[in-house]
Amino acid sequence: MSALGRLTLYLALMSSISFGGIPSVLPGIHDFVVIAHGWLSDRDFANFFALAQTIPGPNMILMMSLVGWKVAGLAGALAAAGATAIPPCMMYFVGYRLWDRFRDAAWQKIARASLAPLTFGLIVAGGTVMAETADKNWQAIAVTTAAAAFLLSTRINPLWMLGAAAMLGALGLV
Protein backbone atom coordinates (compact mmCIF):
# COMPACT_ATOMS: atom_id res chain seq x y z
CA MET A 1 0.00 0.00 0.00
CA SER A 2 1.22 3.51 -0.76
CA ALA A 3 2.31 5.94 1.93
CA LEU A 4 -0.82 8.00 1.24
CA GLY A 5 -3.05 4.95 1.68
CA ARG A 6 -1.34 3.91 4.92
CA LEU A 7 -1.54 7.42 6.34
CA THR A 8 -5.20 7.85 5.36
CA LEU A 9 -6.27 4.53 6.87
CA TYR A 10 -4.29 5.14 10.05
CA LEU A 11 -5.71 8.65 10.55
CA ALA A 12 -9.25 7.37 9.89
CA LEU A 13 -8.72 4.71 12.57
CA MET A 14 -7.15 7.13 15.06
CA SER A 15 -9.86 9.76 14.55
CA SER A 16 -12.48 7.05 15.04
CA ILE A 17 -11.14 5.90 18.40
CA SER A 18 -10.13 9.26 19.85
CA PHE A 19 -11.89 10.67 22.89
CA GLY A 20 -11.79 14.45 23.06
CA GLY A 21 -10.40 14.78 19.57
CA ILE A 22 -7.07 14.08 17.92
CA PRO A 23 -4.93 15.31 20.86
CA SER A 24 -5.92 12.17 22.75
CA VAL A 25 -4.28 9.97 20.10
CA LEU A 26 -1.30 12.19 19.24
CA PRO A 27 1.16 9.72 20.82
CA GLY A 28 0.04 7.03 18.40
CA ILE A 29 0.11 9.37 15.41
CA HIS A 30 3.59 10.56 16.40
CA ASP A 31 4.84 6.98 16.63
CA PHE A 32 3.31 6.15 13.24
CA VAL A 33 4.57 9.12 11.20
CA VAL A 34 7.87 9.83 12.98
CA ILE A 35 9.16 6.59 14.46
CA ALA A 36 7.60 3.81 12.36
CA HIS A 37 7.75 5.46 8.93
CA GLY A 38 10.15 8.40 9.26
CA TRP A 39 7.90 10.64 7.17
CA LEU A 40 8.46 13.53 9.60
CA SER A 41 11.15 14.43 12.07
CA ASP A 42 10.38 15.15 15.72
CA ARG A 43 10.96 18.83 14.92
CA ASP A 44 8.51 18.77 11.98
CA PHE A 45 5.86 17.13 14.15
CA ALA A 46 6.34 19.66 16.96
CA ASN A 47 6.35 22.57 14.49
CA PHE A 48 3.14 21.38 12.83
CA PHE A 49 1.51 21.08 16.26
CA ALA A 50 2.65 24.56 17.28
CA LEU A 51 1.48 26.09 14.00
CA ALA A 52 -1.90 24.38 14.22
CA GLN A 53 -2.38 25.65 17.79
CA THR A 54 -1.92 29.27 16.72
CA ILE A 55 -4.64 29.22 14.07
CA PRO A 56 -8.31 29.45 15.01
CA GLY A 57 -10.67 26.76 13.85
CA PRO A 58 -10.26 23.01 13.53
CA ASN A 59 -6.58 23.00 14.45
CA MET A 60 -6.01 19.24 14.54
CA ILE A 61 -7.50 18.85 11.07
CA LEU A 62 -4.98 21.48 9.97
CA MET A 63 -2.15 19.65 11.71
CA MET A 64 -3.06 16.34 10.06
CA SER A 65 -3.33 18.19 6.72
CA LEU A 66 0.23 19.43 7.20
CA VAL A 67 1.34 15.88 7.97
CA GLY A 68 -0.45 14.67 4.84
CA TRP A 69 1.14 17.44 2.79
CA LYS A 70 4.59 16.38 3.96
CA VAL A 71 3.86 12.73 3.09
CA ALA A 72 2.07 13.11 -0.27
CA GLY A 73 1.60 16.75 -1.27
CA LEU A 74 -1.84 18.21 -1.94
CA ALA A 75 -3.49 14.79 -2.26
CA GLY A 76 -2.01 13.86 1.12
CA ALA A 77 -3.28 17.07 2.73
CA LEU A 78 -6.82 16.52 1.43
CA ALA A 79 -6.86 12.82 2.32
CA ALA A 80 -5.51 13.48 5.83
CA ALA A 81 -8.08 16.21 6.45
CA GLY A 82 -10.89 13.93 5.28
CA ALA A 83 -9.64 10.96 7.27
CA THR A 84 -9.42 13.14 10.38
CA ALA A 85 -12.86 14.75 10.04
CA ILE A 86 -15.26 12.44 8.23
CA PRO A 87 -15.21 9.23 10.34
CA PRO A 88 -15.76 10.96 13.71
CA CYS A 89 -18.42 13.26 12.24
CA MET A 90 -20.36 10.25 10.99
CA MET A 91 -19.94 8.47 14.33
CA TYR A 92 -20.96 11.57 16.30
CA PHE A 93 -24.08 11.96 14.20
CA VAL A 94 -25.17 8.36 14.76
CA GLY A 95 -24.02 8.41 18.39
CA TYR A 96 -25.94 11.57 19.18
CA ARG A 97 -29.11 10.15 17.70
CA LEU A 98 -28.75 7.02 19.85
CA TRP A 99 -27.70 9.02 22.92
CA ASP A 100 -30.74 11.25 22.58
CA ARG A 101 -33.03 8.28 22.03
CA PHE A 102 -31.86 6.58 25.25
CA ARG A 103 -31.31 9.76 27.31
CA ASP A 104 -33.18 8.38 30.32
CA ALA A 105 -31.23 5.12 30.49
CA ALA A 106 -29.23 4.45 33.66
CA TRP A 107 -26.06 3.59 31.74
CA GLN A 108 -25.80 7.17 30.42
CA LYS A 109 -24.94 8.57 33.85
CA ILE A 110 -22.15 6.00 34.22
CA ALA A 111 -20.86 6.69 30.69
CA ARG A 112 -20.81 10.47 31.27
CA ALA A 113 -18.94 10.07 34.56
CA SER A 114 -16.28 7.85 32.97
CA LEU A 115 -15.61 9.88 29.82
CA ALA A 116 -14.18 12.98 31.53
CA PRO A 117 -11.26 11.25 33.32
CA LEU A 118 -10.58 9.08 30.27
CA THR A 119 -10.39 12.12 28.00
CA PHE A 120 -8.24 14.03 30.49
CA GLY A 121 -5.75 11.15 30.72
CA LEU A 122 -5.51 10.79 26.95
CA ILE A 123 -4.94 14.51 26.46
CA VAL A 124 -2.24 14.55 29.18
CA ALA A 125 -0.55 11.64 27.37
CA GLY A 126 -0.64 13.65 24.13
CA GLY A 127 0.87 16.66 25.89
CA THR A 128 3.60 14.46 27.32
CA VAL A 129 4.52 13.15 23.88
CA MET A 130 4.64 16.70 22.50
CA ALA A 131 6.88 17.80 25.38
CA GLU A 132 9.21 14.83 24.84
CA THR A 133 9.29 15.60 21.11
CA ALA A 134 10.21 19.27 21.58
CA ASP A 135 12.40 19.11 24.69
CA LYS A 136 15.82 18.13 23.39
CA ASN A 137 17.96 20.26 25.74
CA TRP A 138 17.79 21.67 29.26
CA GLN A 139 16.64 25.10 28.06
CA ALA A 140 13.64 23.61 26.24
CA ILE A 141 12.80 21.47 29.28
CA ALA A 142 12.95 24.58 31.48
CA VAL A 143 10.65 26.52 29.14
CA THR A 144 8.14 23.64 28.99
CA THR A 145 8.18 23.18 32.76
CA ALA A 146 7.79 26.92 33.43
CA ALA A 147 4.99 27.25 30.87
CA ALA A 148 3.12 24.24 32.28
CA ALA A 149 3.45 25.51 35.86
CA PHE A 150 2.37 28.99 34.85
CA LEU A 151 -0.63 27.74 32.87
CA LEU A 152 -1.73 25.45 35.70
CA SER A 153 -1.50 28.21 38.30
CA THR A 154 -3.13 31.03 36.30
CA ARG A 155 -5.95 31.49 33.82
CA ILE A 156 -3.78 33.13 31.15
CA ASN A 157 -4.49 32.37 27.51
CA PRO A 158 -2.07 29.65 26.26
CA LEU A 159 -1.30 31.74 23.17
CA TRP A 160 0.77 34.04 25.42
CA MET A 161 2.94 31.05 26.32
CA LEU A 162 3.32 30.13 22.66
CA GLY A 163 4.31 33.70 21.89
CA ALA A 164 6.85 33.79 24.73
CA ALA A 165 8.35 30.46 23.61
CA ALA A 166 8.50 31.73 20.01
CA MET A 167 10.38 34.84 21.20
CA LEU A 168 12.86 32.68 23.12
CA GLY A 169 13.37 30.55 20.02
CA ALA A 170 13.76 33.59 17.76
CA LEU A 171 16.40 34.95 20.13
CA GLY A 172 18.25 31.62 19.98
CA LEU A 173 17.74 30.89 23.67
CA VAL A 174 15.96 27.60 23.11
C-alpha atoms as a PDB file:
ATOM      1  CA  MET A   1       0.000   0.000   0.000  1.00  0.00           C
ATOM      2  CA  SER A   2       1.221   3.510  -0.759  1.00  0.00           C
ATOM      3  CA  ALA A   3       2.313   5.943   1.934  1.00  0.00           C
ATOM      4  CA  LEU A   4      -0.816   7.998   1.242  1.00  0.00           C
ATOM      5  CA  GLY A   5      -3.054   4.951   1.683  1.00  0.00           C
ATOM      6  CA  ARG A   6      -1.340   3.911   4.922  1.00  0.00           C
ATOM      7  CA  LEU A   7      -1.545   7.417   6.345  1.00  0.00           C
ATOM      8  CA  THR A   8      -5.196   7.849   5.364  1.00  0.00           C
ATOM      9  CA  LEU A   9      -6.269   4.531   6.872  1.00  0.00           C
ATOM     10  CA  TYR A  10      -4.285   5.143  10.045  1.00  0.00           C
ATOM     11  CA  LEU A  11      -5.713   8.647  10.548  1.00  0.00           C
ATOM     12  CA  ALA A  12      -9.246   7.372   9.889  1.00  0.00           C
ATOM     13  CA  LEU A  13      -8.721   4.715  12.567  1.00  0.00           C
ATOM     14  CA  MET A  14      -7.155   7.133  15.056  1.00  0.00           C
ATOM     15  CA  SER A  15      -9.858   9.755  14.550  1.00  0.00           C
ATOM     16  CA  SER A  16     -12.479   7.050  15.041  1.00  0.00           C
ATOM     17  CA  ILE A  17     -11.141   5.897  18.402  1.00  0.00           C
ATOM     18  CA  SER A  18     -10.132   9.257  19.845  1.00  0.00           C
ATOM     19  CA  PHE A  19     -11.894  10.674  22.891  1.00  0.00           C
ATOM     20  CA  GLY A  20     -11.793  14.449  23.063  1.00  0.00           C
ATOM     21  CA  GLY A  21     -10.399  14.783  19.565  1.00  0.00           C
ATOM     22  CA  ILE A  22      -7.073  14.079  17.921  1.00  0.00           C
ATOM     23  CA  PRO A  23      -4.928  15.308  20.865  1.00  0.00           C
ATOM     24  CA  SER A  24      -5.923  12.174  22.751  1.00  0.00           C
ATOM     25  CA  VAL A  25      -4.285   9.970  20.101  1.00  0.00           C
ATOM     26  CA  LEU A  26      -1.301  12.191  19.241  1.00  0.00           C
ATOM     27  CA  PRO A  27       1.156   9.725  20.820  1.00  0.00           C
ATOM     28  CA  GLY A  28       0.037   7.030  18.398  1.00  0.00           C
ATOM     29  CA  ILE A  29       0.113   9.371  15.413  1.00  0.00           C
ATOM     30  CA  HIS A  30       3.594  10.556  16.404  1.00  0.00           C
ATOM     31  CA  ASP A  31       4.838   6.981  16.632  1.00  0.00           C
ATOM     32  CA  PHE A  32       3.309   6.146  13.236  1.00  0.00           C
ATOM     33  CA  VAL A  33       4.566   9.120  11.204  1.00  0.00           C
ATOM     34  CA  VAL A  34       7.875   9.833  12.975  1.00  0.00           C
ATOM     35  CA  ILE A  35       9.161   6.594  14.463  1.00  0.00           C
ATOM     36  CA  ALA A  36       7.600   3.815  12.363  1.00  0.00           C
ATOM     37  CA  HIS A  37       7.746   5.460   8.927  1.00  0.00           C
ATOM     38  CA  GLY A  38      10.147   8.401   9.262  1.00  0.00           C
ATOM     39  CA  TRP A  39       7.898  10.640   7.166  1.00  0.00           C
ATOM     40  CA  LEU A  40       8.458  13.527   9.604  1.00  0.00           C
ATOM     41  CA  SER A  41      11.153  14.432  12.066  1.00  0.00           C
ATOM     42  CA  ASP A  42      10.381  15.151  15.719  1.00  0.00           C
ATOM     43  CA  ARG A  43      10.958  18.825  14.921  1.00  0.00           C
ATOM     44  CA  ASP A  44       8.508  18.770  11.979  1.00  0.00           C
ATOM     45  CA  PHE A  45       5.860  17.132  14.150  1.00  0.00           C
ATOM     46  CA  ALA A  46       6.336  19.659  16.959  1.00  0.00           C
ATOM     47  CA  ASN A  47       6.351  22.567  14.492  1.00  0.00           C
ATOM     48  CA  PHE A  48       3.144  21.381  12.827  1.00  0.00           C
ATOM     49  CA  PHE A  49       1.514  21.077  16.256  1.00  0.00           C
ATOM     50  CA  ALA A  50       2.650  24.564  17.284  1.00  0.00           C
ATOM     51  CA  LEU A  51       1.480  26.094  14.000  1.00  0.00           C
ATOM     52  CA  ALA A  52      -1.904  24.379  14.222  1.00  0.00           C
ATOM     53  CA  GLN A  53      -2.377  25.654  17.787  1.00  0.00           C
ATOM     54  CA  THR A  54      -1.921  29.274  16.725  1.00  0.00           C
ATOM     55  CA  ILE A  55      -4.635  29.218  14.069  1.00  0.00           C
ATOM     56  CA  PRO A  56      -8.307  29.451  15.010  1.00  0.00           C
ATOM     57  CA  GLY A  57     -10.667  26.761  13.854  1.00  0.00           C
ATOM     58  CA  PRO A  58     -10.259  23.011  13.532  1.00  0.00           C
ATOM     59  CA  ASN A  59      -6.579  22.998  14.451  1.00  0.00           C
ATOM     60  CA  MET A  60      -6.012  19.241  14.539  1.00  0.00           C
ATOM     61  CA  ILE A  61      -7.498  18.852  11.073  1.00  0.00           C
ATOM     62  CA  LEU A  62      -4.985  21.484   9.970  1.00  0.00           C
ATOM     63  CA  MET A  63      -2.154  19.647  11.707  1.00  0.00           C
ATOM     64  CA  MET A  64      -3.063  16.339  10.059  1.00  0.00           C
ATOM     65  CA  SER A  65      -3.329  18.189   6.719  1.00  0.00           C
ATOM     66  CA  LEU A  66       0.232  19.431   7.204  1.00  0.00           C
ATOM     67  CA  VAL A  67       1.339  15.879   7.972  1.00  0.00           C
ATOM     68  CA  GLY A  68      -0.453  14.668   4.843  1.00  0.00           C
ATOM     69  CA  TRP A  69       1.142  17.443   2.789  1.00  0.00           C
ATOM     70  CA  LYS A  70       4.592  16.384   3.959  1.00  0.00           C
ATOM     71  CA  VAL A  71       3.860  12.731   3.085  1.00  0.00           C
ATOM     72  CA  ALA A  72       2.069  13.110  -0.269  1.00  0.00           C
ATOM     73  CA  GLY A  73       1.599  16.752  -1.272  1.00  0.00           C
ATOM     74  CA  LEU A  74      -1.839  18.214  -1.937  1.00  0.00           C
ATOM     75  CA  ALA A  75      -3.492  14.785  -2.258  1.00  0.00           C
ATOM     76  CA  GLY A  76      -2.009  13.864   1.117  1.00  0.00           C
ATOM     77  CA  ALA A  77      -3.278  17.067   2.726  1.00  0.00           C
ATOM     78  CA  LEU A  78      -6.821  16.519   1.430  1.00  0.00           C
ATOM     79  CA  ALA A  79      -6.858  12.821   2.325  1.00  0.00           C
ATOM     80  CA  ALA A  80      -5.508  13.478   5.826  1.00  0.00           C
ATOM     81  CA  ALA A  81      -8.081  16.211   6.453  1.00  0.00           C
ATOM     82  CA  GLY A  82     -10.890  13.934   5.278  1.00  0.00           C
ATOM     83  CA  ALA A  83      -9.640  10.962   7.272  1.00  0.00           C
ATOM     84  CA  THR A  84      -9.420  13.144  10.376  1.00  0.00           C
ATOM     85  CA  ALA A  85     -12.857  14.751  10.038  1.00  0.00           C
ATOM     86  CA  ILE A  86     -15.264  12.439   8.228  1.00  0.00           C
ATOM     87  CA  PRO A  87     -15.214   9.226  10.344  1.00  0.00           C
ATOM     88  CA  PRO A  88     -15.764  10.957  13.707  1.00  0.00           C
ATOM     89  CA  CYS A  89     -18.424  13.256  12.241  1.00  0.00           C
ATOM     90  CA  MET A  90     -20.364  10.247  10.992  1.00  0.00           C
ATOM     91  CA  MET A  91     -19.940   8.475  14.332  1.00  0.00           C
ATOM     92  CA  TYR A  92     -20.960  11.574  16.299  1.00  0.00           C
ATOM     93  CA  PHE A  93     -24.079  11.964  14.203  1.00  0.00           C
ATOM     94  CA  VAL A  94     -25.168   8.364  14.761  1.00  0.00           C
ATOM     95  CA  GLY A  95     -24.025   8.410  18.393  1.00  0.00           C
ATOM     96  CA  TYR A  96     -25.937  11.566  19.183  1.00  0.00           C
ATOM     97  CA  ARG A  97     -29.112  10.150  17.701  1.00  0.00           C
ATOM     98  CA  LEU A  98     -28.752   7.015  19.853  1.00  0.00           C
ATOM     99  CA  TRP A  99     -27.703   9.023  22.916  1.00  0.00           C
ATOM    100  CA  ASP A 100     -30.742  11.246  22.579  1.00  0.00           C
ATOM    101  CA  ARG A 101     -33.032   8.276  22.028  1.00  0.00           C
ATOM    102  CA  PHE A 102     -31.865   6.585  25.250  1.00  0.00           C
ATOM    103  CA  ARG A 103     -31.315   9.762  27.306  1.00  0.00           C
ATOM    104  CA  ASP A 104     -33.176   8.384  30.315  1.00  0.00           C
ATOM    105  CA  ALA A 105     -31.228   5.125  30.485  1.00  0.00           C
ATOM    106  CA  ALA A 106     -29.234   4.450  33.663  1.00  0.00           C
ATOM    107  CA  TRP A 107     -26.060   3.590  31.740  1.00  0.00           C
ATOM    108  CA  GLN A 108     -25.799   7.166  30.416  1.00  0.00           C
ATOM    109  CA  LYS A 109     -24.939   8.571  33.845  1.00  0.00           C
ATOM    110  CA  ILE A 110     -22.150   6.004  34.219  1.00  0.00           C
ATOM    111  CA  ALA A 111     -20.861   6.692  30.690  1.00  0.00           C
ATOM    112  CA  ARG A 112     -20.813  10.475  31.271  1.00  0.00           C
ATOM    113  CA  ALA A 113     -18.943  10.067  34.563  1.00  0.00           C
ATOM    114  CA  SER A 114     -16.284   7.852  32.965  1.00  0.00           C
ATOM    115  CA  LEU A 115     -15.608   9.876  29.819  1.00  0.00           C
ATOM    116  CA  ALA A 116     -14.181  12.981  31.528  1.00  0.00           C
ATOM    117  CA  PRO A 117     -11.263  11.246  33.321  1.00  0.00           C
ATOM    118  CA  LEU A 118     -10.575   9.082  30.270  1.00  0.00           C
ATOM    119  CA  THR A 119     -10.393  12.118  28.000  1.00  0.00           C
ATOM    120  CA  PHE A 120      -8.241  14.028  30.491  1.00  0.00           C
ATOM    121  CA  GLY A 121      -5.750  11.153  30.718  1.00  0.00           C
ATOM    122  CA  LEU A 122      -5.513  10.791  26.949  1.00  0.00           C
ATOM    123  CA  ILE A 123      -4.936  14.511  26.461  1.00  0.00           C
ATOM    124  CA  VAL A 124      -2.236  14.551  29.176  1.00  0.00           C
ATOM    125  CA  ALA A 125      -0.554  11.639  27.369  1.00  0.00           C
ATOM    126  CA  GLY A 126      -0.641  13.646  24.127  1.00  0.00           C
ATOM    127  CA  GLY A 127       0.875  16.661  25.890  1.00  0.00           C
ATOM    128  CA  THR A 128       3.601  14.461  27.322  1.00  0.00           C
ATOM    129  CA  VAL A 129       4.522  13.154  23.878  1.00  0.00           C
ATOM    130  CA  MET A 130       4.639  16.697  22.502  1.00  0.00           C
ATOM    131  CA  ALA A 131       6.881  17.800  25.381  1.00  0.00           C
ATOM    132  CA  GLU A 132       9.211  14.826  24.838  1.00  0.00           C
ATOM    133  CA  THR A 133       9.294  15.603  21.111  1.00  0.00           C
ATOM    134  CA  ALA A 134      10.210  19.265  21.578  1.00  0.00           C
ATOM    135  CA  ASP A 135      12.397  19.114  24.694  1.00  0.00           C
ATOM    136  CA  LYS A 136      15.817  18.129  23.392  1.00  0.00           C
ATOM    137  CA  ASN A 137      17.964  20.262  25.744  1.00  0.00           C
ATOM    138  CA  TRP A 138      17.792  21.670  29.257  1.00  0.00           C
ATOM    139  CA  GLN A 139      16.637  25.097  28.055  1.00  0.00           C
ATOM    140  CA  ALA A 140      13.638  23.613  26.237  1.00  0.00           C
ATOM    141  CA  ILE A 141      12.795  21.472  29.276  1.00  0.00           C
ATOM    142  CA  ALA A 142      12.954  24.575  31.480  1.00  0.00           C
ATOM    143  CA  VAL A 143      10.649  26.517  29.143  1.00  0.00           C
ATOM    144  CA  THR A 144       8.140  23.642  28.986  1.00  0.00           C
ATOM    145  CA  THR A 145       8.180  23.183  32.764  1.00  0.00           C
ATOM    146  CA  ALA A 146       7.790  26.918  33.428  1.00  0.00           C
ATOM    147  CA  ALA A 147       4.991  27.247  30.872  1.00  0.00           C
ATOM    148  CA  ALA A 148       3.121  24.239  32.281  1.00  0.00           C
ATOM    149  CA  ALA A 149       3.449  25.508  35.857  1.00  0.00           C
ATOM    150  CA  PHE A 150       2.366  28.993  34.851  1.00  0.00           C
ATOM    151  CA  LEU A 151      -0.627  27.736  32.865  1.00  0.00           C
ATOM    152  CA  LEU A 152      -1.735  25.446  35.696  1.00  0.00           C
ATOM    153  CA  SER A 153      -1.497  28.208  38.296  1.00  0.00           C
ATOM    154  CA  THR A 154      -3.129  31.025  36.296  1.00  0.00           C
ATOM    155  CA  ARG A 155      -5.945  31.486  33.817  1.00  0.00           C
ATOM    156  CA  ILE A 156      -3.781  33.128  31.154  1.00  0.00           C
ATOM    157  CA  ASN A 157      -4.489  32.374  27.507  1.00  0.00           C
ATOM    158  CA  PRO A 158      -2.068  29.655  26.258  1.00  0.00           C
ATOM    159  CA  LEU A 159      -1.302  31.745  23.173  1.00  0.00           C
ATOM    160  CA  TRP A 160       0.770  34.039  25.416  1.00  0.00           C
ATOM    161  CA  MET A 161       2.941  31.051  26.323  1.00  0.00           C
ATOM    162  CA  LEU A 162       3.319  30.126  22.658  1.00  0.00           C
ATOM    163  CA  GLY A 163       4.311  33.703  21.885  1.00  0.00           C
ATOM    164  CA  ALA A 164       6.854  33.795  24.726  1.00  0.00           C
ATOM    165  CA  ALA A 165       8.352  30.461  23.607  1.00  0.00           C
ATOM    166  CA  ALA A 166       8.498  31.735  20.008  1.00  0.00           C
ATOM    167  CA  MET A 167      10.385  34.836  21.198  1.00  0.00           C
ATOM    168  CA  LEU A 168      12.859  32.680  23.118  1.00  0.00           C
ATOM    169  CA  GLY A 169      13.370  30.552  20.025  1.00  0.00           C
ATOM    170  CA  ALA A 170      13.764  33.591  17.760  1.00  0.00           C
ATOM    171  CA  LEU A 171      16.405  34.954  20.132  1.00  0.00           C
ATOM    172  CA  GLY A 172      18.249  31.623  19.976  1.00  0.00           C
ATOM    173  CA  LEU A 173      17.740  30.890  23.669  1.00  0.00           C
ATOM    174  CA  VAL A 174      15.956  27.600  23.111  1.00  0.00           C
END
